[in-house]
């Protein structure tokens, strides 16, 4: 089985040539070129355990890209988790949705278009 790094290196090259390629197309291209079958979950997310280890990184990137969002990540002490990343809760409220909720609560009409006052 190919490592996640190996897959990422090949996929990045394919996406440079055509950024609009979908995941299924990338999977088929890897199979055709390298005679390797990448399972669906690994293709999208890597190993399951890696997703948990990377959660703090995902959180930081999300907050960097959507400033003023609210988040809560309750991590346990790594000693309690044998050195692994453990958490009891993760929640996030993105700033644009917070704003729409507040406006809706004030009686403003909200649609996919412009927002109109009450």
PDB file of N, CA and C in Angstrom:
ATOM      1  N   UNK A   1       0.845  -1.183   0.000  1.00  0.00           N
ATOM      2  CA  UNK A   1       0.000   0.000   0.000  1.00  0.00           C
ATOM      3  C   UNK A   1       0.885   1.239   0.000  1.00  0.00           C
ATOM      4  N   UNK A   2       0.475   2.248  -0.728  1.00  0.00           N
ATOM      5  CA  UNK A   2       1.224   3.493  -0.829  1.00  0.00           C
ATOM      6  C   UNK A   2       1.044   4.321   0.444  1.00  0.00           C
ATOM      7  N   UNK A   3       2.088   5.059   0.798  1.00  0.00           N
ATOM      8  CA  UNK A   3       1.977   5.945   1.957  1.00  0.00           C
ATOM      9  C   UNK A   3       1.159   7.181   1.583  1.00  0.00           C
ATOM     10  N   UNK A   4       0.648   7.852   2.577  1.00  0.00           N
ATOM     11  CA  UNK A   4      -0.110   9.081   2.339  1.00  0.00           C
ATOM     12  C   UNK A   4       0.755  10.114   1.637  1.00  0.00           C
ATOM     13  N   UNK A   5       2.013  10.237   2.048  1.00  0.00           N
ATOM     14  CA  UNK A   5       2.917  11.202   1.414  1.00  0.00           C
ATOM     15  C   UNK A   5       3.103  10.890  -0.063  1.00  0.00           C
ATOM     16  N   UNK A   6       3.255   9.600  -0.399  1.00  0.00           N
ATOM     17  CA  UNK A   6       3.421   9.206  -1.792  1.00  0.00           C
ATOM     18  C   UNK A   6       2.198   9.624  -2.606  1.00  0.00           C
ATOM     19  N   UNK A   7       1.002   9.363  -2.076  1.00  0.00           N
ATOM     20  CA  UNK A   7      -0.236   9.723  -2.770  1.00  0.00           C
ATOM     21  C   UNK A   7      -0.334  11.235  -2.931  1.00  0.00           C
ATOM     22  N   UNK A   8      -0.054  11.966  -1.869  1.00  0.00           N
ATOM     23  CA  UNK A   8      -0.144  13.431  -1.921  1.00  0.00           C
ATOM     24  C   UNK A   8       0.805  13.992  -2.971  1.00  0.00           C
ATOM     25  N   UNK A   9       2.033  13.494  -3.022  1.00  0.00           N
ATOM     26  CA  UNK A   9       3.004  13.980  -4.008  1.00  0.00           C
ATOM     27  C   UNK A   9       2.478  13.803  -5.430  1.00  0.00           C
ATOM     28  N   UNK A  10       1.862  12.665  -5.734  1.00  0.00           N
ATOM     29  CA  UNK A  10       1.337  12.418  -7.079  1.00  0.00           C
ATOM     30  C   UNK A  10       0.090  13.255  -7.354  1.00  0.00           C
ATOM     31  N   UNK A  11      -0.778  13.369  -6.365  1.00  0.00           N
ATOM     32  CA  UNK A  11      -2.017  14.125  -6.553  1.00  0.00           C
ATOM     33  C   UNK A  11      -1.724  15.610  -6.761  1.00  0.00           C
ATOM     34  N   UNK A  12      -0.766  16.150  -6.027  1.00  0.00           N
ATOM     35  CA  UNK A  12      -0.424  17.567  -6.191  1.00  0.00           C
ATOM     36  C   UNK A  12       0.017  17.835  -7.627  1.00  0.00           C
ATOM     37  N   UNK A  13       0.839  16.953  -8.189  1.00  0.00           N
ATOM     38  CA  UNK A  13       1.272  17.128  -9.576  1.00  0.00           C
ATOM     39  C   UNK A  13       0.085  17.079 -10.535  1.00  0.00           C
ATOM     40  N   UNK A  14      -0.831  16.144 -10.317  1.00  0.00           N
ATOM     41  CA  UNK A  14      -2.010  16.032 -11.179  1.00  0.00           C
ATOM     42  C   UNK A  14      -2.898  17.275 -11.069  1.00  0.00           C
ATOM     43  N   UNK A  15      -3.040  17.798  -9.860  1.00  0.00           N
ATOM     44  CA  UNK A  15      -3.888  18.982  -9.662  1.00  0.00           C
ATOM     45  C   UNK A  15      -3.252  20.243 -10.216  1.00  0.00           C
ATOM     46  N   UNK A  16      -1.929  20.295 -10.271  1.00  0.00           N
ATOM     47  CA  UNK A  16      -1.269  21.454 -10.896  1.00  0.00           C
ATOM     48  C   UNK A  16      -1.639  21.532 -12.377  1.00  0.00           C
ATOM     49  N   UNK A  17      -1.735  20.360 -13.018  1.00  0.00           N
ATOM     50  CA  UNK A  17      -2.093  20.315 -14.437  1.00  0.00           C
ATOM     51  C   UNK A  17      -3.558  20.661 -14.662  1.00  0.00           C
ATOM     52  N   UNK A  18      -4.423  20.246 -13.746  1.00  0.00           N
ATOM     53  CA  UNK A  18      -5.860  20.483 -13.891  1.00  0.00           C
ATOM     54  C   UNK A  18      -6.497  20.579 -12.501  1.00  0.00           C
ATOM     55  N   UNK A  19      -6.580  21.804 -11.931  1.00  0.00           N
ATOM     56  CA  UNK A  19      -7.080  21.977 -10.563  1.00  0.00           C
ATOM     57  C   UNK A  19      -8.541  21.584 -10.355  1.00  0.00           C
ATOM     58  N   UNK A  20      -9.307  21.434 -11.420  1.00  0.00           N
ATOM     59  CA  UNK A  20     -10.731  21.126 -11.256  1.00  0.00           C
ATOM     60  C   UNK A  20     -11.012  19.626 -11.217  1.00  0.00           C
ATOM     61  N   UNK A  21      -9.985  18.798 -11.219  1.00  0.00           N
ATOM     62  CA  UNK A  21     -10.184  17.351 -11.182  1.00  0.00           C
ATOM     63  C   UNK A  21     -10.812  16.930  -9.857  1.00  0.00           C
ATOM     64  N   UNK A  22     -11.723  15.992  -9.936  1.00  0.00           N
ATOM     65  CA  UNK A  22     -12.383  15.480  -8.741  1.00  0.00           C
ATOM     66  C   UNK A  22     -11.624  14.320  -8.122  1.00  0.00           C
ATOM     67  N   UNK A  23     -12.040  13.931  -6.924  1.00  0.00           N
ATOM     68  CA  UNK A  23     -11.369  12.857  -6.189  1.00  0.00           C
ATOM     69  C   UNK A  23     -11.460  11.527  -6.928  1.00  0.00           C
ATOM     70  N   UNK A  24     -12.613  11.228  -7.517  1.00  0.00           N
ATOM     71  CA  UNK A  24     -12.790   9.963  -8.244  1.00  0.00           C
ATOM     72  C   UNK A  24     -11.849   9.918  -9.451  1.00  0.00           C
ATOM     73  N   UNK A  25     -11.751  11.018 -10.164  1.00  0.00           N
ATOM     74  CA  UNK A  25     -10.858  11.095 -11.320  1.00  0.00           C
ATOM     75  C   UNK A  25      -9.399  10.896 -10.898  1.00  0.00           C
ATOM     76  N   UNK A  26      -9.023  11.506  -9.796  1.00  0.00           N
ATOM     77  CA  UNK A  26      -7.649  11.346  -9.289  1.00  0.00           C
ATOM     78  C   UNK A  26      -7.389   9.895  -8.904  1.00  0.00           C
ATOM     79  N   UNK A  27      -8.361   9.262  -8.263  1.00  0.00           N
ATOM     80  CA  UNK A  27      -8.217   7.864  -7.865  1.00  0.00           C
ATOM     81  C   UNK A  27      -8.022   6.986  -9.104  1.00  0.00           C
ATOM     82  N   UNK A  28      -8.826   7.217 -10.140  1.00  0.00           N
ATOM     83  CA  UNK A  28      -8.715   6.431 -11.370  1.00  0.00           C
ATOM     84  C   UNK A  28      -7.380   6.657 -12.066  1.00  0.00           C
ATOM     85  N   UNK A  29      -6.906   7.888 -12.075  1.00  0.00           N
ATOM     86  CA  UNK A  29      -5.619   8.207 -12.709  1.00  0.00           C
ATOM     87  C   UNK A  29      -4.462   7.521 -11.987  1.00  0.00           C
ATOM     88  N   UNK A  30      -4.486   7.521 -10.663  1.00  0.00           N
ATOM     89  CA  UNK A  30      -3.444   6.827  -9.903  1.00  0.00           C
ATOM     90  C   UNK A  30      -3.477   5.325 -10.179  1.00  0.00           C
ATOM     91  N   UNK A  31      -4.667   4.779 -10.287  1.00  0.00           N
ATOM     92  CA  UNK A  31      -4.804   3.357 -10.582  1.00  0.00           C
ATOM     93  C   UNK A  31      -4.258   3.049 -11.974  1.00  0.00           C
ATOM     94  N   UNK A  32      -4.588   3.896 -12.943  1.00  0.00           N
ATOM     95  CA  UNK A  32      -4.156   3.676 -14.331  1.00  0.00           C
ATOM     96  C   UNK A  32      -2.640   3.828 -14.484  1.00  0.00           C
ATOM     97  N   UNK A  33      -2.091   4.895 -13.921  1.00  0.00           N
ATOM     98  CA  UNK A  33      -0.660   5.196 -14.083  1.00  0.00           C
ATOM     99  C   UNK A  33       0.249   4.311 -13.244  1.00  0.00           C
ATOM    100  N   UNK A  34      -0.167   4.041 -12.011  1.00  0.00           N
ATOM    101  CA  UNK A  34       0.725   3.374 -11.054  1.00  0.00           C
ATOM    102  C   UNK A  34       0.232   1.991 -10.623  1.00  0.00           C
ATOM    103  N   UNK A  35      -0.910   1.567 -11.173  1.00  0.00           N
ATOM    104  CA  UNK A  35      -1.475   0.252 -10.849  1.00  0.00           C
ATOM    105  C   UNK A  35      -1.636   0.065  -9.342  1.00  0.00           C
ATOM    106  N   UNK A  36      -2.239   1.072  -8.737  1.00  0.00           N
ATOM    107  CA  UNK A  36      -2.459   1.028  -7.292  1.00  0.00           C
ATOM    108  C   UNK A  36      -3.890   1.476  -7.010  1.00  0.00           C
ATOM    109  N   UNK A  37      -4.562   0.765  -6.129  1.00  0.00           N
ATOM    110  CA  UNK A  37      -5.932   1.107  -5.770  1.00  0.00           C
ATOM    111  C   UNK A  37      -5.919   1.791  -4.406  1.00  0.00           C
ATOM    112  N   UNK A  38      -6.352   3.034  -4.362  1.00  0.00           N
ATOM    113  CA  UNK A  38      -6.408   3.807  -3.124  1.00  0.00           C
ATOM    114  C   UNK A  38      -7.821   3.699  -2.569  1.00  0.00           C
ATOM    115  N   UNK A  39      -8.014   3.102  -1.383  1.00  0.00           N
ATOM    116  CA  UNK A  39      -9.363   3.027  -0.796  1.00  0.00           C
ATOM    117  C   UNK A  39      -9.957   4.414  -0.598  1.00  0.00           C
ATOM    118  N   UNK A  40     -11.272   4.507  -0.677  1.00  0.00           N
ATOM    119  CA  UNK A  40     -11.961   5.797  -0.610  1.00  0.00           C
ATOM    120  C   UNK A  40     -11.572   6.620   0.605  1.00  0.00           C
ATOM    121  N   UNK A  41     -11.674   6.062   1.818  1.00  0.00           N
ATOM    122  CA  UNK A  41     -11.413   6.867   3.016  1.00  0.00           C
ATOM    123  C   UNK A  41      -9.968   7.338   3.065  1.00  0.00           C
ATOM    124  N   UNK A  42      -9.031   6.493   2.721  1.00  0.00           N
ATOM    125  CA  UNK A  42      -7.627   6.889   2.719  1.00  0.00           C
ATOM    126  C   UNK A  42      -7.382   7.961   1.661  1.00  0.00           C
ATOM    127  N   UNK A  43      -8.054   7.818   0.534  1.00  0.00           N
ATOM    128  CA  UNK A  43      -7.867   8.777  -0.545  1.00  0.00           C
ATOM    129  C   UNK A  43      -8.227  10.192  -0.081  1.00  0.00           C
ATOM    130  N   UNK A  44      -9.284  10.310   0.681  1.00  0.00           N
ATOM    131  CA  UNK A  44      -9.747  11.623   1.104  1.00  0.00           C
ATOM    132  C   UNK A  44      -9.049  12.108   2.368  1.00  0.00           C
ATOM    133  N   UNK A  45      -8.899  11.270   3.348  1.00  0.00           N
ATOM    134  CA  UNK A  45      -8.503  11.738   4.667  1.00  0.00           C
ATOM    135  C   UNK A  45      -7.208  11.158   5.229  1.00  0.00           C
ATOM    136  N   UNK A  46      -6.571  10.259   4.549  1.00  0.00           N
ATOM    137  CA  UNK A  46      -5.405   9.612   5.132  1.00  0.00           C
ATOM    138  C   UNK A  46      -5.858   8.613   6.178  1.00  0.00           C
ATOM    139  N   UNK A  47      -5.005   8.309   7.113  1.00  0.00           N
ATOM    140  CA  UNK A  47      -5.364   7.353   8.161  1.00  0.00           C
ATOM    141  C   UNK A  47      -6.331   7.988   9.156  1.00  0.00           C
ATOM    142  N   UNK A  48      -7.218   7.168   9.705  1.00  0.00           N
ATOM    143  CA  UNK A  48      -8.213   7.650  10.662  1.00  0.00           C
ATOM    144  C   UNK A  48      -7.550   8.337  11.851  1.00  0.00           C
ATOM    145  N   UNK A  49      -6.523   7.713  12.417  1.00  0.00           N
ATOM    146  CA  UNK A  49      -5.854   8.277  13.588  1.00  0.00           C
ATOM    147  C   UNK A  49      -5.201   9.623  13.281  1.00  0.00           C
ATOM    148  N   UNK A  50      -4.708   9.801  12.046  1.00  0.00           N
ATOM    149  CA  UNK A  50      -4.090  11.070  11.673  1.00  0.00           C
ATOM    150  C   UNK A  50      -5.089  12.222  11.746  1.00  0.00           C
ATOM    151  N   UNK A  51      -6.361  11.937  11.453  1.00  0.00           N
ATOM    152  CA  UNK A  51      -7.380  12.984  11.497  1.00  0.00           C
ATOM    153  C   UNK A  51      -7.488  13.579  12.899  1.00  0.00           C
ATOM    154  N   UNK A  52      -7.433  12.720  13.913  1.00  0.00           N
ATOM    155  CA  UNK A  52      -7.494  13.210  15.289  1.00  0.00           C
ATOM    156  C   UNK A  52      -6.231  13.977  15.654  1.00  0.00           C
ATOM    157  N   UNK A  53      -5.089  13.469  15.243  1.00  0.00           N
ATOM    158  CA  UNK A  53      -3.830  14.138  15.560  1.00  0.00           C
ATOM    159  C   UNK A  53      -3.755  15.521  14.918  1.00  0.00           C
ATOM    160  N   UNK A  54      -4.394  15.677  13.760  1.00  0.00           N
ATOM    161  CA  UNK A  54      -4.318  16.939  13.031  1.00  0.00           C
ATOM    162  C   UNK A  54      -5.435  17.919  13.379  1.00  0.00           C
ATOM    163  N   UNK A  55      -6.366  17.520  14.229  1.00  0.00           N
ATOM    164  CA  UNK A  55      -7.484  18.405  14.560  1.00  0.00           C
ATOM    165  C   UNK A  55      -7.038  19.788  15.045  1.00  0.00           C
ATOM    166  N   UNK A  56      -6.057  19.906  15.950  1.00  0.00           N
ATOM    167  CA  UNK A  56      -5.624  21.246  16.342  1.00  0.00           C
ATOM    168  C   UNK A  56      -5.094  22.067  15.158  1.00  0.00           C
ATOM    169  N   UNK A  57      -4.449  21.409  14.205  1.00  0.00           N
ATOM    170  CA  UNK A  57      -3.950  22.110  13.015  1.00  0.00           C
ATOM    171  C   UNK A  57      -5.108  22.569  12.137  1.00  0.00           C
ATOM    172  N   UNK A  58      -6.114  21.698  11.932  1.00  0.00           N
ATOM    173  CA  UNK A  58      -7.296  22.086  11.169  1.00  0.00           C
ATOM    174  C   UNK A  58      -7.976  23.279  11.819  1.00  0.00           C
ATOM    175  N   UNK A  59      -8.063  23.237  13.124  1.00  0.00           N
ATOM    176  CA  UNK A  59      -8.704  24.316  13.883  1.00  0.00           C
ATOM    177  C   UNK A  59      -7.979  25.638  13.665  1.00  0.00           C
ATOM    178  N   UNK A  60      -6.652  25.617  13.781  1.00  0.00           N
ATOM    179  CA  UNK A  60      -5.867  26.840  13.581  1.00  0.00           C
ATOM    180  C   UNK A  60      -6.043  27.387  12.170  1.00  0.00           C
ATOM    181  N   UNK A  61      -6.036  26.511  11.179  1.00  0.00           N
ATOM    182  CA  UNK A  61      -6.184  26.944   9.785  1.00  0.00           C
ATOM    183  C   UNK A  61      -7.576  27.523   9.538  1.00  0.00           C
ATOM    184  N   UNK A  62      -8.585  26.902  10.088  1.00  0.00           N
ATOM    185  CA  UNK A  62      -9.948  27.407   9.940  1.00  0.00           C
ATOM    186  C   UNK A  62     -10.092  28.783  10.571  1.00  0.00           C
ATOM    187  N   UNK A  63      -9.553  28.950  11.761  1.00  0.00           N
ATOM    188  CA  UNK A  63      -9.646  30.247  12.433  1.00  0.00           C
ATOM    189  C   UNK A  63      -8.809  31.315  11.720  1.00  0.00           C
ATOM    190  N   UNK A  64      -7.729  30.899  11.083  1.00  0.00           N
ATOM    191  CA  UNK A  64      -6.917  31.840  10.311  1.00  0.00           C
ATOM    192  C   UNK A  64      -7.676  32.296   9.067  1.00  0.00           C
ATOM    193  N   UNK A  65      -8.380  31.382   8.428  1.00  0.00           N
ATOM    194  CA  UNK A  65      -9.054  31.709   7.182  1.00  0.00           C
ATOM    195  C   UNK A  65     -10.426  32.359   7.394  1.00  0.00           C
ATOM    196  N   UNK A  66     -11.044  32.173   8.555  1.00  0.00           N
ATOM    197  CA  UNK A  66     -12.326  32.807   8.871  1.00  0.00           C
ATOM    198  C   UNK A  66     -12.173  33.503  10.225  1.00  0.00           C
ATOM    199  N   UNK A  67     -11.517  34.673  10.226  1.00  0.00           N
ATOM    200  CA  UNK A  67     -11.257  35.363  11.498  1.00  0.00           C
ATOM    201  C   UNK A  67     -12.547  35.695  12.253  1.00  0.00           C
ATOM    202  N   UNK A  68     -12.419  35.847  13.539  1.00  0.00           N
ATOM    203  CA  UNK A  68     -13.516  36.205  14.453  1.00  0.00           C
ATOM    204  C   UNK A  68     -14.532  35.091  14.642  1.00  0.00           C
ATOM    205  N   UNK A  69     -14.237  33.899  14.150  1.00  0.00           N
ATOM    206  CA  UNK A  69     -15.098  32.758  14.444  1.00  0.00           C
ATOM    207  C   UNK A  69     -14.855  32.329  15.883  1.00  0.00           C
ATOM    208  N   UNK A  70     -15.801  31.629  16.448  1.00  0.00           N
ATOM    209  CA  UNK A  70     -15.677  31.159  17.827  1.00  0.00           C
ATOM    210  C   UNK A  70     -15.420  29.663  17.815  1.00  0.00           C
ATOM    211  N   UNK A  71     -14.560  29.221  18.703  1.00  0.00           N
ATOM    212  CA  UNK A  71     -14.256  27.800  18.748  1.00  0.00           C
ATOM    213  C   UNK A  71     -14.055  27.343  20.177  1.00  0.00           C
ATOM    214  N   UNK A  72     -14.205  26.037  20.360  1.00  0.00           N
ATOM    215  CA  UNK A  72     -13.933  25.428  21.652  1.00  0.00           C
ATOM    216  C   UNK A  72     -13.390  24.028  21.401  1.00  0.00           C
ATOM    217  N   UNK A  73     -12.206  23.778  21.886  1.00  0.00           N
ATOM    218  CA  UNK A  73     -11.583  22.460  21.781  1.00  0.00           C
ATOM    219  C   UNK A  73     -11.116  22.088  23.175  1.00  0.00           C
ATOM    220  N   UNK A  74     -11.783  21.128  23.758  1.00  0.00           N
ATOM    221  CA  UNK A  74     -11.428  20.663  25.099  1.00  0.00           C
ATOM    222  C   UNK A  74     -10.506  19.458  24.972  1.00  0.00           C
ATOM    223  N   UNK A  75      -9.209  19.713  25.128  1.00  0.00           N
ATOM    224  CA  UNK A  75      -8.227  18.640  25.034  1.00  0.00           C
ATOM    225  C   UNK A  75      -7.933  18.077  26.414  1.00  0.00           C
ATOM    226  N   UNK A  76      -7.658  16.793  26.450  1.00  0.00           N
ATOM    227  CA  UNK A  76      -7.223  16.153  27.682  1.00  0.00           C
ATOM    228  C   UNK A  76      -5.709  16.218  27.757  1.00  0.00           C
ATOM    229  N   UNK A  77      -5.166  16.124  28.932  1.00  0.00           N
ATOM    230  CA  UNK A  77      -3.718  16.085  29.114  1.00  0.00           C
ATOM    231  C   UNK A  77      -3.155  14.872  28.372  1.00  0.00           C
ATOM    232  N   UNK A  78      -2.073  15.077  27.614  1.00  0.00           N
ATOM    233  CA  UNK A  78      -1.508  13.975  26.819  1.00  0.00           C
ATOM    234  C   UNK A  78      -1.036  12.816  27.700  1.00  0.00           C
ATOM    235  N   UNK A  79      -0.745  13.093  28.989  1.00  0.00           N
ATOM    236  CA  UNK A  79      -0.359  12.007  29.899  1.00  0.00           C
ATOM    237  C   UNK A  79      -1.522  11.044  30.109  1.00  0.00           C
ATOM    238  N   UNK A  80      -2.754  11.582  30.108  1.00  0.00           N
ATOM    239  CA  UNK A  80      -3.940  10.742  30.275  1.00  0.00           C
ATOM    240  C   UNK A  80      -4.198   9.878  29.043  1.00  0.00           C
ATOM    241  N   UNK A  81      -3.626  10.258  27.902  1.00  0.00           N
ATOM    242  CA  UNK A  81      -3.919   9.590  26.629  1.00  0.00           C
ATOM    243  C   UNK A  81      -2.696   8.888  26.051  1.00  0.00           C
ATOM    244  N   UNK A  82      -1.746   8.539  26.901  1.00  0.00           N
ATOM    245  CA  UNK A  82      -0.531   7.849  26.440  1.00  0.00           C
ATOM    246  C   UNK A  82       0.188   8.617  25.340  1.00  0.00           C
ATOM    247  N   UNK A  83       0.216   9.936  25.432  1.00  0.00           N
ATOM    248  CA  UNK A  83       0.930  10.772  24.474  1.00  0.00           C
ATOM    249  C   UNK A  83       0.144  11.114  23.224  1.00  0.00           C
ATOM    250  N   UNK A  84      -1.058  10.555  23.057  1.00  0.00           N
ATOM    251  CA  UNK A  84      -1.875  10.845  21.882  1.00  0.00           C
ATOM    252  C   UNK A  84      -2.664  12.135  22.094  1.00  0.00           C
ATOM    253  N   UNK A  85      -3.207  12.675  21.000  1.00  0.00           N
ATOM    254  CA  UNK A  85      -4.094  13.826  21.079  1.00  0.00           C
ATOM    255  C   UNK A  85      -5.482  13.302  21.432  1.00  0.00           C
ATOM    256  N   UNK A  86      -6.019  13.759  22.547  1.00  0.00           N
ATOM    257  CA  UNK A  86      -7.359  13.356  22.975  1.00  0.00           C
ATOM    258  C   UNK A  86      -8.174  14.602  23.289  1.00  0.00           C
ATOM    259  N   UNK A  87      -9.441  14.553  22.955  1.00  0.00           N
ATOM    260  CA  UNK A  87     -10.308  15.675  23.272  1.00  0.00           C
ATOM    261  C   UNK A  87     -11.687  15.151  23.613  1.00  0.00           C
ATOM    262  N   UNK A  88     -12.418  15.955  24.367  1.00  0.00           N
ATOM    263  CA  UNK A  88     -13.774  15.555  24.740  1.00  0.00           C
ATOM    264  C   UNK A  88     -14.823  16.273  23.908  1.00  0.00           C
ATOM    265  N   UNK A  89     -14.451  17.434  23.362  1.00  0.00           N
ATOM    266  CA  UNK A  89     -15.438  18.208  22.611  1.00  0.00           C
ATOM    267  C   UNK A  89     -14.713  19.172  21.672  1.00  0.00           C
ATOM    268  N   UNK A  90     -15.291  19.345  20.483  1.00  0.00           N
ATOM    269  CA  UNK A  90     -14.817  20.365  19.553  1.00  0.00           C
ATOM    270  C   UNK A  90     -16.048  20.993  18.915  1.00  0.00           C
ATOM    271  N   UNK A  91     -16.144  22.297  18.993  1.00  0.00           N
ATOM    272  CA  UNK A  91     -17.246  22.986  18.333  1.00  0.00           C
ATOM    273  C   UNK A  91     -16.715  24.286  17.749  1.00  0.00           C
ATOM    274  N   UNK A  92     -17.353  24.716  16.673  1.00  0.00           N
ATOM    275  CA  UNK A  92     -16.935  25.965  16.033  1.00  0.00           C
ATOM    276  C   UNK A  92     -18.157  26.653  15.455  1.00  0.00           C
ATOM    277  N   UNK A  93     -18.187  27.963  15.554  1.00  0.00           N
ATOM    278  CA  UNK A  93     -19.229  28.783  14.952  1.00  0.00           C
ATOM    279  C   UNK A  93     -18.515  29.779  14.036  1.00  0.00           C
ATOM    280  N   UNK A  94     -18.760  29.663  12.741  1.00  0.00           N
ATOM    281  CA  UNK A  94     -18.094  30.537  11.777  1.00  0.00           C
ATOM    282  C   UNK A  94     -18.725  31.922  11.789  1.00  0.00           C
ATOM    283  N   UNK A  95     -17.905  32.939  11.721  1.00  0.00           N
ATOM    284  CA  UNK A  95     -18.338  34.329  11.848  1.00  0.00           C
ATOM    285  C   UNK A  95     -19.476  34.705  10.890  1.00  0.00           C
ATOM    286  N   UNK A  96     -19.441  34.334   9.611  1.00  0.00           N
ATOM    287  CA  UNK A  96     -20.561  34.714   8.739  1.00  0.00           C
ATOM    288  C   UNK A  96     -21.904  34.140   9.210  1.00  0.00           C
ATOM    289  N   UNK A  97     -21.878  32.937   9.751  1.00  0.00           N
ATOM    290  CA  UNK A  97     -23.120  32.328  10.243  1.00  0.00           C
ATOM    291  C   UNK A  97     -23.566  32.966  11.545  1.00  0.00           C
ATOM    292  N   UNK A  98     -22.617  33.385  12.364  1.00  0.00           N
ATOM    293  CA  UNK A  98     -22.963  34.100  13.602  1.00  0.00           C
ATOM    294  C   UNK A  98     -23.679  35.394  13.234  1.00  0.00           C
ATOM    295  N   UNK A  99     -23.127  36.134  12.275  1.00  0.00           N
ATOM    296  CA  UNK A  99     -23.731  37.397  11.854  1.00  0.00           C
ATOM    297  C   UNK A  99     -25.146  37.197  11.318  1.00  0.00           C
ATOM    298  N   UNK A 100     -25.338  36.177  10.479  1.00  0.00           N
ATOM    299  CA  UNK A 100     -26.667  35.914   9.918  1.00  0.00           C
ATOM    300  C   UNK A 100     -27.657  35.533  11.026  1.00  0.00           C
ATOM    301  N   UNK A 101     -27.198  34.774  12.002  1.00  0.00           N
ATOM    302  CA  UNK A 101     -28.060  34.386  13.117  1.00  0.00           C
ATOM    303  C   UNK A 101     -28.494  35.623  13.907  1.00  0.00           C
ATOM    304  N   UNK A 102     -27.563  36.520  14.160  1.00  0.00           N
ATOM    305  CA  UNK A 102     -27.880  37.739  14.914  1.00  0.00           C
ATOM    306  C   UNK A 102     -28.889  38.585  14.141  1.00  0.00           C
ATOM    307  N   UNK A 103     -28.643  38.773  12.846  1.00  0.00           N
ATOM    308  CA  UNK A 103     -29.576  39.566  12.040  1.00  0.00           C
ATOM    309  C   UNK A 103     -30.953  38.918  11.995  1.00  0.00           C
ATOM    310  N   UNK A 104     -30.993  37.609  11.853  1.00  0.00           N
ATOM    311  CA  UNK A 104     -32.273  36.894  11.844  1.00  0.00           C
ATOM    312  C   UNK A 104     -32.993  37.073  13.182  1.00  0.00           C
ATOM    313  N   UNK A 105     -32.239  37.021  14.279  1.00  0.00           N
ATOM    314  CA  UNK A 105     -32.824  37.196  15.613  1.00  0.00           C
ATOM    315  C   UNK A 105     -33.402  38.588  15.790  1.00  0.00           C
ATOM    316  N   UNK A 106     -32.841  39.574  15.076  1.00  0.00           N
ATOM    317  CA  UNK A 106     -33.328  40.953  15.161  1.00  0.00           C
ATOM    318  C   UNK A 106     -34.498  41.210  14.211  1.00  0.00           C
ATOM    319  N   UNK A 107     -34.907  40.171  13.469  1.00  0.00           N
ATOM    320  CA  UNK A 107     -36.054  40.314  12.585  1.00  0.00           C
ATOM    321  C   UNK A 107     -35.699  40.684  11.160  1.00  0.00           C
ATOM    322  N   UNK A 108     -34.453  40.720  10.810  1.00  0.00           N
ATOM    323  CA  UNK A 108     -34.049  41.049   9.445  1.00  0.00           C
ATOM    324  C   UNK A 108     -34.346  39.847   8.555  1.00  0.00           C
ATOM    325  N   UNK A 109     -34.800  40.139   7.341  1.00  0.00           N
ATOM    326  CA  UNK A 109     -35.077  39.080   6.395  1.00  0.00           C
ATOM    327  C   UNK A 109     -33.781  38.644   5.730  1.00  0.00           C
ATOM    328  N   UNK A 110     -33.543  37.328   5.771  1.00  0.00           N
ATOM    329  CA  UNK A 110     -32.292  36.791   5.250  1.00  0.00           C
ATOM    330  C   UNK A 110     -32.611  35.778   4.166  1.00  0.00           C
ATOM    331  N   UNK A 111     -31.951  35.940   3.035  1.00  0.00           N
ATOM    332  CA  UNK A 111     -32.069  34.962   1.955  1.00  0.00           C
ATOM    333  C   UNK A 111     -30.663  34.758   1.404  1.00  0.00           C
ATOM    334  N   UNK A 112     -30.556  34.067   0.308  1.00  0.00           N
ATOM    335  CA  UNK A 112     -29.239  33.889  -0.305  1.00  0.00           C
ATOM    336  C   UNK A 112     -28.757  35.168  -0.988  1.00  0.00           C
ATOM    337  N   UNK A 113     -29.652  36.099  -1.171  1.00  0.00           N
ATOM    338  CA  UNK A 113     -29.287  37.369  -1.798  1.00  0.00           C
ATOM    339  C   UNK A 113     -28.983  38.413  -0.741  1.00  0.00           C
ATOM    340  N   UNK A 114     -29.249  39.680  -1.053  1.00  0.00           N
ATOM    341  CA  UNK A 114     -28.991  40.759  -0.096  1.00  0.00           C
ATOM    342  C   UNK A 114     -29.891  40.644   1.141  1.00  0.00           C
ATOM    343  N   UNK A 115     -29.417  41.198   2.227  1.00  0.00           N
ATOM    344  CA  UNK A 115     -30.159  41.190   3.484  1.00  0.00           C
ATOM    345  C   UNK A 115     -30.967  42.471   3.550  1.00  0.00           C
ATOM    346  N   UNK A 116     -32.269  42.330   3.904  1.00  0.00           N
ATOM    347  CA  UNK A 116     -33.120  43.528   3.978  1.00  0.00           C
ATOM    348  C   UNK A 116     -33.556  43.738   5.423  1.00  0.00           C
ATOM    349  N   UNK A 117     -33.696  45.005   5.788  1.00  0.00           N
ATOM    350  CA  UNK A 117     -34.067  45.340   7.168  1.00  0.00           C
ATOM    351  C   UNK A 117     -35.546  45.048   7.398  1.00  0.00           C
ATOM    352  N   UNK A 118     -35.934  44.951   8.692  1.00  0.00           N
ATOM    353  CA  UNK A 118     -37.338  44.615   9.019  1.00  0.00           C
ATOM    354  C   UNK A 118     -38.319  45.689   8.607  1.00  0.00           C
TER     355      UNK A 118
END
